[in-house]
Each structure stands twice: as structure tokens, then as C-alpha cells.
Amino acid sequence: MKLDIACGQNKRQGFKGVDIVPGEGVDFVWDLEKFPWGPFKNNSVEEVNVSHYAEHTRDLIKFMDEVWRICRHDVKVTIVSPYYTSIRAWMDPTHVRAISENTWLYFNKSWRESVKLEHYPIKSNYNIEKMYTFFNPPWDKKSDEARQFAQTHYWNVISDIVVELRTIK
């Protein structure tokens, strides 16, 4: 089974939708802040999509641990969020965190060990497979060098970040 978590009315084709609000495209109605996620067994999911929810969850560690629990080994988990230097990350009063590239390092066991953070209460283990961003105009038309500089030094250059993780069990 492939899950589109917090799908709202925009469920990806070929995925089962999960959301707190019933509606068209929602196959499982569940409060994602209630752990464990009752409808899903351990190691039962073969792919996960999470678009614009990670910034809303009150406990990102529990959320990522729960995604990891329901996934099989070597499952692709795609997460899309507003980029931390985008006004989109800060303007929504329901956002509880901003997401950067480094956010996802904490969910890799080897990285946690290498920086002496094994004591963090994180059970999950993911490899970061791919990460990319969406540049706002006019930066989307600039050279790579100009975009890299702008990404590091300016606000509102990037709208969203996409990370593709892979479960390690």
C-alpha cells in the first residue's frame, strides 16, 4: 500500500489518502497527532508521500518514527515543505516549525552517532536520497552560482524544499 499522508483533497494517484477530515480522496480518517496510527500495521507500507504537513506536526520525532514504523525496509518517503527562509514557512499560524536541509539529518542513525546525539529519543532511521528546492522568480532563471549565493544570503529565494528519504530497518 502507498500512503499520501495528510492528503486533504489532493491525493496522489495510486496512493491511499490519510487525513483528519473526511472528504473525496480520503481513504483513512485519522488524527496524525494520535500515536500509534491505528489503521496501519508495522512494515505494511511500500511508499509514503507527505506534502505540506511536516511543518504542522507538533512532534516531528514521533511523526517520523511513526512513518518509519509503518514502512517496510527500503521504502521511499517523499516530504514537501515550505523552505525555512520563505515567508510561506512563517506566515501560516498553524505551522509549528520551519524545515531546512539539515532537519532531515537527525533522522539518520549514523549521523546522530557521528555527532554524539545517540541520546535523542529517535527510533527511526532514514537515508537522505535526494533533496531539491523550488526557486521563486526571478531566481529560477538565474545561474546556479547566483542561486546558491542567494539561497545562503537572502530570504524568499526558495518556496519549497523536497526531500526523498529511504527507510533503513
Protein backbone atom coordinates (compact mmCIF):
# COMPACT_ATOMS: atom_id res chain seq x y z
CA MET A 1 0.00 0.00 0.00
CA LYS A 2 1.16 3.52 -0.83
CA LEU A 3 0.06 6.33 1.51
CA ASP A 4 -0.44 10.03 0.88
CA ILE A 5 -0.33 11.34 4.44
CA ALA A 6 -2.34 14.49 5.20
CA CYS A 7 -3.58 14.41 1.62
CA GLY A 8 -6.52 16.80 2.02
CA GLN A 9 -8.31 16.94 -1.32
CA ASN A 10 -5.06 16.45 -3.30
CA LYS A 11 -4.33 12.75 -3.03
CA ARG A 12 -1.64 11.47 -5.38
CA GLN A 13 -2.78 8.99 -8.00
CA GLY A 14 -2.13 5.39 -6.97
CA PHE A 15 -1.98 6.27 -3.26
CA LYS A 16 -4.42 5.80 -0.38
CA GLY A 17 -5.19 9.10 1.31
CA VAL A 18 -4.95 9.79 5.04
CA ASP A 19 -6.38 12.94 6.61
CA ILE A 20 -8.13 14.10 9.77
CA VAL A 21 -11.03 15.50 7.73
CA PRO A 22 -13.22 13.15 5.67
CA GLY A 23 -13.60 14.06 2.03
CA GLU A 24 -13.12 12.99 -1.54
CA GLY A 25 -9.86 11.10 -1.82
CA VAL A 26 -9.54 10.42 1.91
CA ASP A 27 -9.44 6.66 2.41
CA PHE A 28 -8.42 6.71 6.08
CA VAL A 29 -9.70 9.36 8.51
CA TRP A 30 -7.12 9.62 11.29
CA ASP A 31 -5.68 12.27 13.59
CA LEU A 32 -1.97 12.14 12.71
CA GLU A 33 -1.13 13.54 16.15
CA LYS A 34 -2.57 10.38 17.77
CA PHE A 35 0.10 7.66 18.01
CA PRO A 36 0.26 4.88 17.04
CA TRP A 37 -1.68 5.30 13.82
CA GLY A 38 -4.37 2.66 14.35
CA PRO A 39 -5.22 1.79 10.74
CA PHE A 40 -1.65 0.82 9.84
CA LYS A 41 0.37 -2.22 10.87
CA ASN A 42 4.15 -2.36 11.25
CA ASN A 43 6.01 -2.75 7.94
CA SER A 44 2.82 -2.56 5.85
CA VAL A 45 3.50 0.45 3.62
CA GLU A 46 5.55 0.47 0.39
CA GLU A 47 5.76 4.23 -0.29
CA VAL A 48 4.83 7.47 1.50
CA ASN A 49 4.12 10.99 0.31
CA VAL A 50 3.80 13.88 2.77
CA SER A 51 3.09 17.26 1.20
CA HIS A 52 2.89 20.32 3.42
CA TYR A 53 2.32 18.58 6.72
CA ALA A 54 5.73 18.15 8.42
CA GLU A 55 5.71 21.85 9.32
CA HIS A 56 2.34 21.36 11.07
CA THR A 57 3.02 18.34 13.27
CA ARG A 58 3.60 19.16 16.92
CA ASP A 59 6.12 16.35 17.36
CA LEU A 60 8.25 15.75 14.27
CA ILE A 61 10.20 12.99 16.03
CA LYS A 62 7.06 10.98 16.83
CA PHE A 63 5.71 11.66 13.34
CA MET A 64 8.87 10.44 11.59
CA ASP A 65 9.13 7.45 13.93
CA GLU A 66 5.54 6.53 13.08
CA VAL A 67 6.13 6.82 9.33
CA TRP A 68 9.19 4.59 9.80
CA ARG A 69 7.19 2.07 11.88
CA ILE A 70 4.53 1.54 9.23
CA CYS A 71 7.01 1.39 6.32
CA ARG A 72 8.87 -1.66 5.11
CA HIS A 73 12.64 -1.62 4.71
CA ASP A 74 13.94 0.44 1.77
CA VAL A 75 10.74 2.46 1.27
CA LYS A 76 10.79 5.86 -0.43
CA VAL A 77 9.37 8.65 1.74
CA THR A 78 8.89 11.99 -0.04
CA ILE A 79 8.31 15.11 2.06
CA VAL A 80 7.50 18.57 0.69
CA SER A 81 7.57 21.62 2.98
CA PRO A 82 7.95 25.37 2.77
CA TYR A 83 11.63 26.29 2.92
CA TYR A 84 12.78 27.84 6.20
CA THR A 85 13.77 31.18 4.61
CA SER A 86 10.48 31.53 2.75
CA ILE A 87 7.68 33.71 4.08
CA ARG A 88 5.49 30.66 3.39
CA ALA A 89 7.18 28.89 6.28
CA TRP A 90 6.29 31.66 8.73
CA MET A 91 3.02 33.23 7.59
CA ASP A 92 0.70 30.30 8.35
CA PRO A 93 -0.26 30.41 12.06
CA THR A 94 -0.74 26.62 12.07
CA HIS A 95 2.92 25.98 11.23
CA VAL A 96 4.90 24.94 14.31
CA ARG A 97 8.37 24.69 12.72
CA ALA A 98 10.42 25.64 9.73
CA ILE A 99 12.18 22.98 7.66
CA SER A 100 15.74 23.15 6.29
CA GLU A 101 18.04 20.64 4.65
CA ASN A 102 19.63 19.87 8.00
CA THR A 103 16.32 18.97 9.66
CA TRP A 104 16.47 15.56 8.00
CA LEU A 105 19.98 14.68 9.21
CA TYR A 106 18.57 13.98 12.67
CA PHE A 107 16.62 11.04 11.30
CA ASN A 108 19.74 9.21 10.13
CA LYS A 109 21.17 6.96 12.85
CA SER A 110 24.77 7.09 11.55
CA TRP A 111 24.72 10.89 11.52
CA ARG A 112 23.30 11.03 15.06
CA GLU A 113 26.07 8.71 16.23
CA SER A 114 28.77 10.70 14.44
CA VAL A 115 27.74 13.93 16.21
CA LYS A 116 27.15 12.22 19.57
CA LEU A 117 23.37 12.58 19.57
CA GLU A 118 22.52 8.92 20.20
CA HIS A 119 20.66 10.05 23.32
CA TYR A 120 17.99 11.78 21.21
CA PRO A 121 14.72 9.82 21.51
CA ILE A 122 14.58 8.98 17.80
CA LYS A 123 13.89 5.38 16.79
CA SER A 124 13.66 5.88 13.04
CA ASN A 125 16.49 5.61 10.57
CA TYR A 126 16.40 7.08 7.07
CA ASN A 127 18.94 7.71 4.33
CA ILE A 128 18.64 11.01 2.54
CA GLU A 129 18.42 10.01 -1.12
CA LYS A 130 17.69 13.31 -2.81
CA MET A 131 16.93 16.90 -1.89
CA TYR A 132 15.90 19.78 -4.11
CA THR A 133 14.29 23.17 -3.85
CA PHE A 134 11.95 25.33 -5.91
CA PHE A 135 13.29 28.78 -6.60
CA ASN A 136 10.96 31.77 -6.75
CA PRO A 137 11.12 34.17 -9.71
CA PRO A 138 13.41 35.75 -10.74
CA TRP A 139 15.89 33.35 -9.09
CA ASP A 140 14.55 30.38 -11.04
CA LYS A 141 16.08 31.93 -14.19
CA LYS A 142 19.49 32.80 -12.67
CA SER A 143 22.73 30.83 -12.88
CA ASP A 144 23.49 28.07 -10.39
CA GLU A 145 26.17 30.25 -8.82
CA ALA A 146 23.75 33.16 -8.32
CA ARG A 147 21.08 30.85 -6.90
CA GLN A 148 23.50 29.26 -4.43
CA PHE A 149 24.60 32.67 -3.21
CA ALA A 150 21.00 33.88 -2.92
CA GLN A 151 19.91 30.72 -1.11
CA THR A 152 22.58 31.29 1.52
CA HIS A 153 22.20 35.04 1.92
CA TYR A 154 18.64 36.12 1.09
CA TRP A 155 15.09 35.42 2.20
CA ASN A 156 12.23 34.35 -0.10
CA VAL A 157 14.51 32.98 -2.79
CA ILE A 158 13.13 29.45 -2.38
CA SER A 159 9.49 28.49 -1.86
CA ASP A 160 9.63 24.77 -1.06
CA ILE A 161 12.05 22.00 -0.23
CA VAL A 162 11.54 18.38 -1.26
CA VAL A 163 13.39 15.55 0.44
CA GLU A 164 13.35 11.92 -0.63
CA LEU A 165 14.24 9.61 2.23
CA ARG A 166 14.67 5.85 2.24
CA THR A 167 13.83 3.72 5.29
CA ILE A 168 16.57 1.64 6.87
CA LYS A 169 15.36 -1.24 9.05
